[in-house]
Each structure stands twice: as C-alpha cells, then as structure tokens.
Amino acid sequence: MPEFGTPAYVERFRLMAKEFTAKYSTKEAALELMQREGILDAKGKLSKNYSAE
C-alpha cells in the first residue's frame, strides 16, 4: 500500500471511493449497508446508538 499522503495513496483512495459509490448508489443497497453496519435497525429506523432518544 502506498504511503499515506502521497499522490499514489490519494489516487488509490479516489478509486476505492468511486467503487464504493457505484456499489451502494441504489437506495436498497445503501439501506442494506447501513443495517449491516448497525446504523439502521431491521425496520429501517436509526439504531439506538445513532438516535437522539
């Protein structure tokens, strides 16, 4: 992996961000990802760690 802050590292990050955006650009895919990461619960609401309640 290129050293942090180098042009090669920045380019690698840009490529990975572009791939991530393409993969999760649909609403369904984004919701699935947020549920898997624990941001949303199974009903699609914010999990207790991310809600103000």
N, C-alpha and C. Protein backbone atom coordinates (compact mmCIF):
# COMPACT_ATOMS: atom_id res chain seq x y z
N MET A 1 0.84 -1.17 0.00
CA MET A 1 0.00 0.00 0.00
C MET A 1 0.89 1.25 0.00
N PRO A 2 0.52 2.25 -0.80
CA PRO A 2 1.32 3.47 -0.84
C PRO A 2 1.30 4.20 0.51
N GLU A 3 2.32 4.99 0.75
CA GLU A 3 2.42 5.74 1.99
C GLU A 3 1.34 6.82 2.05
N PHE A 4 0.76 7.01 3.23
CA PHE A 4 -0.30 7.99 3.46
C PHE A 4 0.14 9.38 2.99
N GLY A 5 -0.73 10.05 2.27
CA GLY A 5 -0.47 11.41 1.83
C GLY A 5 0.24 11.54 0.50
N THR A 6 0.73 10.44 -0.04
CA THR A 6 1.41 10.51 -1.33
C THR A 6 0.37 10.57 -2.45
N PRO A 7 0.77 11.05 -3.62
CA PRO A 7 -0.17 11.06 -4.75
C PRO A 7 -0.72 9.66 -5.07
N ALA A 8 0.09 8.64 -4.93
CA ALA A 8 -0.38 7.27 -5.20
C ALA A 8 -1.45 6.87 -4.18
N TYR A 9 -1.27 7.26 -2.93
CA TYR A 9 -2.25 6.95 -1.90
C TYR A 9 -3.58 7.66 -2.18
N VAL A 10 -3.49 8.93 -2.54
CA VAL A 10 -4.69 9.71 -2.86
C VAL A 10 -5.42 9.10 -4.04
N GLU A 11 -4.68 8.70 -5.05
CA GLU A 11 -5.32 8.09 -6.23
C GLU A 11 -5.98 6.77 -5.87
N ARG A 12 -5.32 5.97 -5.03
CA ARG A 12 -5.92 4.70 -4.58
C ARG A 12 -7.21 4.97 -3.81
N PHE A 13 -7.20 5.98 -2.94
CA PHE A 13 -8.39 6.34 -2.18
C PHE A 13 -9.52 6.77 -3.12
N ARG A 14 -9.21 7.60 -4.09
CA ARG A 14 -10.23 8.05 -5.05
C ARG A 14 -10.85 6.88 -5.80
N LEU A 15 -10.02 5.93 -6.21
CA LEU A 15 -10.53 4.76 -6.92
C LEU A 15 -11.44 3.93 -6.02
N MET A 16 -11.01 3.72 -4.79
CA MET A 16 -11.83 2.94 -3.86
C MET A 16 -13.14 3.65 -3.53
N ALA A 17 -13.11 4.96 -3.38
CA ALA A 17 -14.33 5.73 -3.11
C ALA A 17 -15.29 5.66 -4.30
N LYS A 18 -14.74 5.71 -5.50
CA LYS A 18 -15.58 5.62 -6.70
C LYS A 18 -16.24 4.24 -6.79
N GLU A 19 -15.50 3.19 -6.49
CA GLU A 19 -16.06 1.83 -6.50
C GLU A 19 -17.14 1.68 -5.43
N PHE A 20 -16.89 2.22 -4.25
CA PHE A 20 -17.87 2.16 -3.16
C PHE A 20 -19.16 2.87 -3.56
N THR A 21 -19.02 4.06 -4.13
CA THR A 21 -20.19 4.84 -4.55
C THR A 21 -20.99 4.09 -5.60
N ALA A 22 -20.32 3.48 -6.55
CA ALA A 22 -21.01 2.72 -7.59
C ALA A 22 -21.75 1.52 -7.01
N LYS A 23 -21.13 0.86 -6.05
CA LYS A 23 -21.73 -0.34 -5.46
C LYS A 23 -22.95 -0.01 -4.61
N TYR A 24 -22.93 1.10 -3.90
CA TYR A 24 -24.01 1.43 -2.96
C TYR A 24 -24.82 2.64 -3.40
N SER A 25 -24.98 2.84 -4.69
CA SER A 25 -25.67 4.02 -5.18
C SER A 25 -27.19 3.86 -5.23
N THR A 26 -27.69 2.63 -5.08
CA THR A 26 -29.15 2.47 -5.05
C THR A 26 -29.64 2.57 -3.61
N LYS A 27 -30.88 2.95 -3.45
CA LYS A 27 -31.46 3.08 -2.11
C LYS A 27 -31.42 1.74 -1.37
N GLU A 28 -31.75 0.67 -2.06
CA GLU A 28 -31.78 -0.66 -1.44
C GLU A 28 -30.40 -1.07 -0.95
N ALA A 29 -29.40 -0.86 -1.77
CA ALA A 29 -28.03 -1.23 -1.39
C ALA A 29 -27.53 -0.39 -0.23
N ALA A 30 -27.87 0.90 -0.24
CA ALA A 30 -27.45 1.79 0.83
C ALA A 30 -28.12 1.40 2.15
N LEU A 31 -29.41 1.09 2.11
CA LEU A 31 -30.11 0.67 3.32
C LEU A 31 -29.53 -0.63 3.86
N GLU A 32 -29.24 -1.57 2.98
CA GLU A 32 -28.64 -2.84 3.40
C GLU A 32 -27.30 -2.61 4.08
N LEU A 33 -26.49 -1.75 3.53
CA LEU A 33 -25.19 -1.44 4.12
C LEU A 33 -25.36 -0.81 5.50
N MET A 34 -26.26 0.16 5.62
CA MET A 34 -26.45 0.83 6.90
C MET A 34 -27.01 -0.12 7.96
N GLN A 35 -27.84 -1.07 7.56
CA GLN A 35 -28.31 -2.08 8.50
C GLN A 35 -27.17 -3.00 8.91
N ARG A 36 -26.39 -3.43 7.98
CA ARG A 36 -25.27 -4.32 8.28
C ARG A 36 -24.26 -3.66 9.21
N GLU A 37 -24.06 -2.34 9.06
CA GLU A 37 -23.11 -1.61 9.89
C GLU A 37 -23.71 -1.17 11.23
N GLY A 38 -25.00 -1.41 11.43
CA GLY A 38 -25.63 -1.09 12.70
C GLY A 38 -26.14 0.33 12.82
N ILE A 39 -26.19 1.06 11.73
CA ILE A 39 -26.70 2.43 11.76
C ILE A 39 -28.23 2.41 11.78
N LEU A 40 -28.81 1.49 11.03
CA LEU A 40 -30.25 1.32 10.99
C LEU A 40 -30.63 -0.03 11.58
N ASP A 41 -31.83 -0.09 12.17
CA ASP A 41 -32.32 -1.37 12.66
C ASP A 41 -33.03 -2.12 11.53
N ALA A 42 -33.60 -3.27 11.82
CA ALA A 42 -34.24 -4.09 10.80
C ALA A 42 -35.45 -3.40 10.16
N LYS A 43 -36.05 -2.46 10.88
CA LYS A 43 -37.22 -1.73 10.37
C LYS A 43 -36.84 -0.50 9.55
N GLY A 44 -35.54 -0.19 9.49
CA GLY A 44 -35.07 0.97 8.74
C GLY A 44 -35.00 2.24 9.55
N LYS A 45 -35.17 2.13 10.85
CA LYS A 45 -35.06 3.29 11.74
C LYS A 45 -33.63 3.37 12.28
N LEU A 46 -33.24 4.55 12.73
CA LEU A 46 -31.91 4.69 13.32
C LEU A 46 -31.80 3.78 14.55
N SER A 47 -30.68 3.11 14.66
CA SER A 47 -30.46 2.26 15.83
C SER A 47 -30.25 3.13 17.06
N LYS A 48 -30.34 2.53 18.23
CA LYS A 48 -30.27 3.31 19.47
C LYS A 48 -28.94 4.06 19.61
N ASN A 49 -27.88 3.55 19.01
CA ASN A 49 -26.57 4.23 19.10
C ASN A 49 -26.54 5.51 18.26
N TYR A 50 -27.46 5.66 17.32
CA TYR A 50 -27.45 6.81 16.42
C TYR A 50 -28.67 7.71 16.58
N SER A 51 -29.60 7.35 17.46
CA SER A 51 -30.79 8.18 17.63
C SER A 51 -30.62 9.09 18.84
N ALA A 52 -31.40 10.16 18.89
CA ALA A 52 -31.31 11.13 19.98
C ALA A 52 -32.04 10.65 21.22
N GLU A 53 -32.81 9.61 21.10
CA GLU A 53 -33.61 9.13 22.24
C GLU A 53 -32.80 8.31 23.19
